Amino acid sequence: MAITVPDNFGYVAGVVLGSWLVYGVSYPELYASAENCPNAEHRKAFNCVQRGHQNSLENQPIFLALLLSAGLKHPITAAVAGAVYLVGRVMYMQGYSTGDPDKRMRGSILYAGLFTLVGIVGKWGVQALMAAVAK
């Protein structure tokens, strides 16, 4: 079975490149402690930003794999879903960086993009399985 790259796949590649702009946080010490940051308010704010950054990096590989896979079948839908995910990631970080972890939920829209990608890839997988069974 050959995989062909659709003409509109460039949109997906553009979102992949754009995803690296979202995660531009420098690497300080991993977490602030009472020892290296005596101010509890500053420590909490720093740790919230750091945890948000870490969460974004933890989820980037699956996002990129889903985006690239979904883009092979439905490039425009995948690119839009990927852009929605990235907007949600920015909103997530903006909320989390306030120092109130509950405000990260402002970025929940990212799940609309992520689950759209999961749906595309899942549907494609089921179709491939059904085609194989039918043979």
N, C-alpha and C. Protein backbone atom coordinates (compact mmCIF):
# COMPACT_ATOMS: atom_id res chain seq x y z
N MET A 1 0.85 -1.17 0.00
CA MET A 1 0.00 0.00 0.00
C MET A 1 0.89 1.24 0.00
N ALA A 2 0.70 2.08 -0.96
CA ALA A 2 1.50 3.30 -1.07
C ALA A 2 0.76 4.46 -0.40
N ILE A 3 1.51 5.30 0.24
CA ILE A 3 0.95 6.51 0.84
C ILE A 3 1.35 7.67 -0.04
N THR A 4 0.37 8.41 -0.47
CA THR A 4 0.66 9.59 -1.27
C THR A 4 0.41 10.83 -0.43
N VAL A 5 1.25 11.79 -0.61
CA VAL A 5 1.12 13.05 0.12
C VAL A 5 0.21 13.97 -0.69
N PRO A 6 -0.93 14.41 -0.09
CA PRO A 6 -1.85 15.27 -0.83
C PRO A 6 -1.26 16.65 -1.10
N ASP A 7 -1.81 17.31 -2.10
CA ASP A 7 -1.32 18.64 -2.48
C ASP A 7 -1.38 19.63 -1.33
N ASN A 8 -2.39 19.53 -0.47
CA ASN A 8 -2.57 20.49 0.62
C ASN A 8 -1.77 20.14 1.87
N PHE A 9 -0.89 19.16 1.78
CA PHE A 9 -0.13 18.72 2.95
C PHE A 9 0.80 19.82 3.47
N GLY A 10 1.12 20.79 2.65
CA GLY A 10 1.97 21.90 3.09
C GLY A 10 1.38 22.66 4.27
N TYR A 11 0.06 22.72 4.36
CA TYR A 11 -0.58 23.37 5.50
C TYR A 11 -0.24 22.64 6.80
N VAL A 12 -0.24 21.33 6.72
CA VAL A 12 0.10 20.52 7.90
C VAL A 12 1.56 20.77 8.29
N ALA A 13 2.44 20.78 7.31
CA ALA A 13 3.85 21.05 7.59
C ALA A 13 4.03 22.43 8.22
N GLY A 14 3.25 23.40 7.78
CA GLY A 14 3.32 24.75 8.36
C GLY A 14 2.93 24.76 9.83
N VAL A 15 1.90 23.98 10.19
CA VAL A 15 1.48 23.91 11.59
C VAL A 15 2.55 23.20 12.42
N VAL A 16 3.18 22.17 11.85
CA VAL A 16 4.28 21.50 12.55
C VAL A 16 5.38 22.50 12.88
N LEU A 17 5.77 23.29 11.91
CA LEU A 17 6.81 24.30 12.16
C LEU A 17 6.34 25.33 13.19
N GLY A 18 5.08 25.73 13.10
CA GLY A 18 4.54 26.69 14.05
C GLY A 18 4.49 26.16 15.47
N SER A 19 4.41 24.85 15.63
CA SER A 19 4.32 24.27 16.97
C SER A 19 5.58 24.55 17.79
N TRP A 20 6.71 24.70 17.15
CA TRP A 20 7.94 24.97 17.90
C TRP A 20 7.98 26.40 18.43
N LEU A 21 7.22 27.28 17.85
CA LEU A 21 7.16 28.65 18.35
C LEU A 21 6.42 28.72 19.67
N VAL A 22 5.48 27.81 19.89
CA VAL A 22 4.67 27.81 21.10
C VAL A 22 5.51 27.46 22.33
N TYR A 23 6.55 26.66 22.16
CA TYR A 23 7.27 26.09 23.29
C TYR A 23 8.59 26.78 23.58
N GLY A 24 8.69 28.08 23.37
CA GLY A 24 9.96 28.78 23.54
C GLY A 24 10.23 29.25 24.95
N VAL A 25 10.46 28.34 25.88
CA VAL A 25 10.77 28.70 27.26
C VAL A 25 12.21 28.29 27.53
N SER A 26 12.99 29.20 28.09
CA SER A 26 14.39 28.91 28.41
C SER A 26 14.48 27.88 29.53
N TYR A 27 15.63 27.26 29.66
CA TYR A 27 15.82 26.22 30.67
C TYR A 27 16.53 26.75 31.91
N PRO A 28 15.76 27.15 32.91
CA PRO A 28 16.36 27.49 34.20
C PRO A 28 16.44 26.22 35.05
N GLU A 29 16.62 26.38 36.34
CA GLU A 29 16.50 25.21 37.20
C GLU A 29 15.10 24.66 37.00
N LEU A 30 14.95 23.37 37.16
CA LEU A 30 13.68 22.74 36.84
C LEU A 30 12.52 23.29 37.66
N TYR A 31 12.68 23.35 38.98
CA TYR A 31 11.62 23.89 39.84
C TYR A 31 12.24 24.81 40.88
N ALA A 32 11.46 25.79 41.30
CA ALA A 32 11.89 26.68 42.37
C ALA A 32 11.60 26.00 43.70
N SER A 33 12.56 26.11 44.60
CA SER A 33 12.38 25.57 45.94
C SER A 33 12.48 26.72 46.94
N ALA A 34 12.15 26.44 48.18
CA ALA A 34 12.26 27.47 49.21
C ALA A 34 13.71 27.93 49.35
N GLU A 35 14.63 27.04 49.03
CA GLU A 35 16.05 27.37 49.13
C GLU A 35 16.50 28.37 48.06
N ASN A 36 16.09 28.15 46.80
CA ASN A 36 16.55 29.02 45.74
C ASN A 36 15.56 30.14 45.40
N CYS A 37 14.37 30.11 46.05
CA CYS A 37 13.38 31.17 45.84
C CYS A 37 12.57 31.32 47.13
N PRO A 38 13.02 32.16 48.04
CA PRO A 38 12.35 32.27 49.34
C PRO A 38 10.93 32.86 49.26
N ASN A 39 10.63 33.62 48.23
CA ASN A 39 9.30 34.23 48.09
C ASN A 39 8.31 33.18 47.59
N ALA A 40 7.36 32.79 48.45
CA ALA A 40 6.42 31.71 48.12
C ALA A 40 5.56 32.04 46.90
N GLU A 41 5.16 33.28 46.74
CA GLU A 41 4.33 33.68 45.60
C GLU A 41 5.09 33.54 44.29
N HIS A 42 6.34 34.01 44.29
CA HIS A 42 7.18 33.89 43.09
C HIS A 42 7.49 32.43 42.79
N ARG A 43 7.72 31.66 43.85
CA ARG A 43 8.02 30.24 43.67
C ARG A 43 6.84 29.52 43.01
N LYS A 44 5.63 29.80 43.49
CA LYS A 44 4.45 29.15 42.92
C LYS A 44 4.27 29.56 41.46
N ALA A 45 4.44 30.85 41.17
CA ALA A 45 4.28 31.33 39.78
C ALA A 45 5.31 30.67 38.87
N PHE A 46 6.56 30.61 39.30
CA PHE A 46 7.60 29.98 38.50
C PHE A 46 7.29 28.51 38.26
N ASN A 47 6.90 27.81 39.31
CA ASN A 47 6.61 26.39 39.18
C ASN A 47 5.41 26.12 38.28
N CYS A 48 4.44 27.02 38.29
CA CYS A 48 3.29 26.88 37.39
C CYS A 48 3.74 27.00 35.93
N VAL A 49 4.56 27.98 35.64
CA VAL A 49 5.06 28.14 34.27
C VAL A 49 5.89 26.92 33.88
N GLN A 50 6.71 26.47 34.78
CA GLN A 50 7.57 25.33 34.48
C GLN A 50 6.75 24.06 34.24
N ARG A 51 5.72 23.85 35.06
CA ARG A 51 4.89 22.66 34.88
C ARG A 51 4.11 22.74 33.57
N GLY A 52 3.61 23.92 33.24
CA GLY A 52 2.91 24.10 31.97
C GLY A 52 3.80 23.80 30.78
N HIS A 53 5.04 24.29 30.87
CA HIS A 53 6.02 24.04 29.81
C HIS A 53 6.30 22.55 29.70
N GLN A 54 6.48 21.91 30.83
CA GLN A 54 6.78 20.49 30.84
C GLN A 54 5.61 19.70 30.24
N ASN A 55 4.39 20.06 30.61
CA ASN A 55 3.21 19.37 30.08
C ASN A 55 3.13 19.53 28.57
N SER A 56 3.43 20.73 28.09
CA SER A 56 3.40 20.96 26.64
C SER A 56 4.41 20.08 25.92
N LEU A 57 5.60 19.98 26.47
CA LEU A 57 6.63 19.14 25.86
C LEU A 57 6.27 17.66 25.92
N GLU A 58 5.63 17.25 27.01
CA GLU A 58 5.22 15.84 27.14
C GLU A 58 4.20 15.46 26.08
N ASN A 59 3.37 16.41 25.70
CA ASN A 59 2.30 16.13 24.75
C ASN A 59 2.67 16.41 23.30
N GLN A 60 3.79 17.08 23.06
CA GLN A 60 4.16 17.45 21.70
C GLN A 60 4.39 16.24 20.78
N PRO A 61 5.05 15.17 21.21
CA PRO A 61 5.27 14.05 20.28
C PRO A 61 3.98 13.43 19.76
N ILE A 62 3.00 13.19 20.64
CA ILE A 62 1.76 12.57 20.17
C ILE A 62 0.99 13.54 19.28
N PHE A 63 1.02 14.84 19.63
CA PHE A 63 0.37 15.83 18.79
C PHE A 63 0.97 15.82 17.39
N LEU A 64 2.28 15.86 17.30
CA LEU A 64 2.94 15.89 15.98
C LEU A 64 2.69 14.60 15.20
N ALA A 65 2.72 13.46 15.88
CA ALA A 65 2.45 12.19 15.19
C ALA A 65 1.03 12.16 14.65
N LEU A 66 0.07 12.59 15.47
CA LEU A 66 -1.32 12.62 15.01
C LEU A 66 -1.51 13.62 13.88
N LEU A 67 -0.88 14.79 14.02
CA LEU A 67 -1.01 15.84 12.99
C LEU A 67 -0.47 15.36 11.65
N LEU A 68 0.71 14.79 11.66
CA LEU A 68 1.31 14.32 10.41
C LEU A 68 0.52 13.15 9.82
N SER A 69 0.08 12.24 10.66
CA SER A 69 -0.70 11.10 10.17
C SER A 69 -2.05 11.55 9.60
N ALA A 70 -2.76 12.37 10.36
CA ALA A 70 -4.07 12.85 9.90
C ALA A 70 -3.94 13.68 8.64
N GLY A 71 -2.85 14.42 8.55
CA GLY A 71 -2.63 15.28 7.39
C GLY A 71 -2.45 14.52 6.09
N LEU A 72 -2.05 13.28 6.17
CA LEU A 72 -1.90 12.46 4.96
C LEU A 72 -3.26 12.14 4.35
N LYS A 73 -4.29 12.05 5.16
CA LYS A 73 -5.62 11.70 4.68
C LYS A 73 -6.49 12.94 4.47
N HIS A 74 -6.43 13.87 5.40
CA HIS A 74 -7.27 15.08 5.36
C HIS A 74 -6.43 16.29 5.75
N PRO A 75 -5.62 16.81 4.84
CA PRO A 75 -4.66 17.86 5.20
C PRO A 75 -5.29 19.16 5.70
N ILE A 76 -6.37 19.62 5.10
CA ILE A 76 -6.97 20.88 5.54
C ILE A 76 -7.57 20.73 6.93
N THR A 77 -8.34 19.68 7.13
CA THR A 77 -8.95 19.44 8.45
C THR A 77 -7.87 19.27 9.51
N ALA A 78 -6.82 18.53 9.17
CA ALA A 78 -5.72 18.31 10.12
C ALA A 78 -5.02 19.62 10.45
N ALA A 79 -4.79 20.45 9.44
CA ALA A 79 -4.11 21.73 9.68
C ALA A 79 -4.97 22.64 10.57
N VAL A 80 -6.27 22.68 10.33
CA VAL A 80 -7.17 23.50 11.16
C VAL A 80 -7.20 22.94 12.58
N ALA A 81 -7.32 21.62 12.72
CA ALA A 81 -7.33 21.00 14.05
C ALA A 81 -6.01 21.27 14.77
N GLY A 82 -4.90 21.20 14.04
CA GLY A 82 -3.60 21.49 14.64
C GLY A 82 -3.48 22.93 15.09
N ALA A 83 -4.02 23.84 14.28
CA ALA A 83 -3.98 25.26 14.67
C ALA A 83 -4.84 25.51 15.90
N VAL A 84 -6.00 24.85 15.97
CA VAL A 84 -6.86 24.97 17.16
C VAL A 84 -6.12 24.45 18.39
N TYR A 85 -5.44 23.34 18.24
CA TYR A 85 -4.64 22.78 19.34
C TYR A 85 -3.59 23.78 19.81
N LEU A 86 -2.88 24.40 18.86
CA LEU A 86 -1.83 25.34 19.24
C LEU A 86 -2.39 26.59 19.92
N VAL A 87 -3.52 27.09 19.43
CA VAL A 87 -4.16 28.24 20.09
C VAL A 87 -4.54 27.84 21.52
N GLY A 88 -5.08 26.63 21.68
CA GLY A 88 -5.41 26.14 23.01
C GLY A 88 -4.19 26.00 23.90
N ARG A 89 -3.07 25.58 23.33
CA ARG A 89 -1.82 25.46 24.10
C ARG A 89 -1.36 26.82 24.60
N VAL A 90 -1.46 27.84 23.75
CA VAL A 90 -1.08 29.19 24.16
C VAL A 90 -2.00 29.66 25.29
N MET A 91 -3.30 29.44 25.13
CA MET A 91 -4.25 29.83 26.17
C MET A 91 -3.99 29.07 27.47
N TYR A 92 -3.64 27.80 27.34
CA TYR A 92 -3.29 26.96 28.49
C TYR A 92 -2.11 27.57 29.26
N MET A 93 -1.07 27.93 28.51
CA MET A 93 0.11 28.51 29.15
C MET A 93 -0.17 29.88 29.74
N GLN A 94 -0.96 30.69 29.05
CA GLN A 94 -1.31 32.00 29.60
C GLN A 94 -2.05 31.85 30.92
N GLY A 95 -2.98 30.90 30.98
CA GLY A 95 -3.73 30.68 32.21
C GLY A 95 -2.86 30.12 33.31
N TYR A 96 -2.06 29.13 32.98
CA TYR A 96 -1.20 28.47 33.97
C TYR A 96 -0.17 29.45 34.52
N SER A 97 0.36 30.32 33.67
CA SER A 97 1.43 31.22 34.11
C SER A 97 0.93 32.34 35.03
N THR A 98 -0.37 32.41 35.29
CA THR A 98 -0.87 33.39 36.25
C THR A 98 -0.50 33.00 37.67
N GLY A 99 -0.09 31.75 37.87
CA GLY A 99 0.20 31.27 39.22
C GLY A 99 -0.98 30.53 39.82
N ASP A 100 -2.10 30.52 39.14
CA ASP A 100 -3.29 29.77 39.57
C ASP A 100 -3.46 28.60 38.61
N PRO A 101 -3.08 27.39 39.03
CA PRO A 101 -3.13 26.24 38.12
C PRO A 101 -4.51 25.98 37.52
N ASP A 102 -5.58 26.35 38.20
CA ASP A 102 -6.92 26.12 37.66
C ASP A 102 -7.18 26.93 36.40
N LYS A 103 -6.47 28.04 36.23
CA LYS A 103 -6.68 28.89 35.06
C LYS A 103 -6.12 28.28 33.77
N ARG A 104 -5.37 27.19 33.90
CA ARG A 104 -4.86 26.51 32.70
C ARG A 104 -6.00 25.94 31.88
N MET A 105 -7.15 25.72 32.53
CA MET A 105 -8.30 25.13 31.84
C MET A 105 -8.88 26.08 30.79
N ARG A 106 -8.44 27.33 30.76
CA ARG A 106 -8.86 28.25 29.70
C ARG A 106 -8.45 27.71 28.33
N GLY A 107 -7.44 26.90 28.32
CA GLY A 107 -6.95 26.34 27.06
C GLY A 107 -7.58 25.02 26.68
N SER A 108 -8.68 24.67 27.31
CA SER A 108 -9.33 23.38 27.04
C SER A 108 -9.72 23.19 25.58
N ILE A 109 -9.79 24.27 24.83
CA ILE A 109 -10.12 24.17 23.40
C ILE A 109 -9.10 23.29 22.67
N LEU A 110 -7.92 23.15 23.23
CA LEU A 110 -6.90 22.32 22.59
C LEU A 110 -7.40 20.90 22.38
N TYR A 111 -8.28 20.44 23.26
CA TYR A 111 -8.80 19.08 23.13
C TYR A 111 -9.70 18.91 21.90
N ALA A 112 -10.37 19.99 21.49
CA ALA A 112 -11.16 19.92 20.25
C ALA A 112 -10.25 19.60 19.07
N GLY A 113 -9.10 20.26 19.02
CA GLY A 113 -8.14 19.99 17.96
C GLY A 113 -7.53 18.60 18.07
N LEU A 114 -7.14 18.24 19.29
CA LEU A 114 -6.49 16.94 19.50
C LEU A 114 -7.43 15.79 19.19
N PHE A 115 -8.67 15.87 19.68
CA PHE A 115 -9.61 14.76 19.44
C PHE A 115 -10.06 14.69 17.98
N THR A 116 -10.03 15.81 17.28
CA THR A 116 -10.30 15.78 15.84
C THR A 116 -9.20 14.98 15.14
N LEU A 117 -7.95 15.23 15.52
CA LEU A 117 -6.83 14.48 14.94
C LEU A 117 -6.94 12.99 15.28
N VAL A 118 -7.27 12.69 16.52
CA VAL A 118 -7.44 11.28 16.93
C VAL A 118 -8.55 10.64 16.10
N GLY A 119 -9.64 11.37 15.90
CA GLY A 119 -10.76 10.84 15.11
C GLY A 119 -10.38 10.53 13.68
N ILE A 120 -9.62 11.44 13.07
CA ILE A 120 -9.20 11.23 11.68
C ILE A 120 -8.32 9.99 11.58
N VAL A 121 -7.33 9.91 12.46
CA VAL A 121 -6.40 8.77 12.43
C VAL A 121 -7.13 7.48 12.79
N GLY A 122 -8.02 7.55 13.77
CA GLY A 122 -8.79 6.37 14.16
C GLY A 122 -9.67 5.87 13.03
N LYS A 123 -10.35 6.79 12.36
CA LYS A 123 -11.22 6.42 11.23
C LYS A 123 -10.40 5.79 10.12
N TRP A 124 -9.25 6.38 9.84
CA TRP A 124 -8.38 5.85 8.79
C TRP A 124 -7.93 4.43 9.15
N GLY A 125 -7.59 4.23 10.42
CA GLY A 125 -7.16 2.91 10.87
C GLY A 125 -8.26 1.87 10.76
N VAL A 126 -9.48 2.25 11.15
CA VAL A 126 -10.61 1.33 11.03
C VAL A 126 -10.89 1.00 9.57
N GLN A 127 -10.82 2.00 8.71
CA GLN A 127 -11.04 1.77 7.28
C GLN A 127 -10.00 0.81 6.72
N ALA A 128 -8.75 0.97 7.11
CA ALA A 128 -7.68 0.09 6.63
C ALA A 128 -7.91 -1.34 7.15
N LEU A 129 -8.32 -1.46 8.39
CA LEU A 129 -8.59 -2.78 8.97
C LEU A 129 -9.77 -3.45 8.25
N MET A 130 -10.82 -2.69 8.00
CA MET A 130 -12.00 -3.25 7.31
C MET A 130 -11.64 -3.68 5.89
N ALA A 131 -10.80 -2.90 5.23
CA ALA A 131 -10.37 -3.25 3.87
C ALA A 131 -9.55 -4.53 3.89
N ALA A 132 -8.70 -4.68 4.91
CA ALA A 132 -7.88 -5.89 5.02
C ALA A 132 -8.73 -7.12 5.32
N VAL A 133 -9.74 -6.95 6.14
CA VAL A 133 -10.63 -8.06 6.49
C VAL A 133 -11.48 -8.46 5.29
N ALA A 134 -11.88 -7.48 4.50
CA ALA A 134 -12.72 -7.75 3.33
C ALA A 134 -11.97 -8.54 2.26
N LYS A 135 -10.67 -8.47 2.25
CA LYS A 135 -9.87 -9.22 1.26
C LYS A 135 -9.85 -10.63 1.66
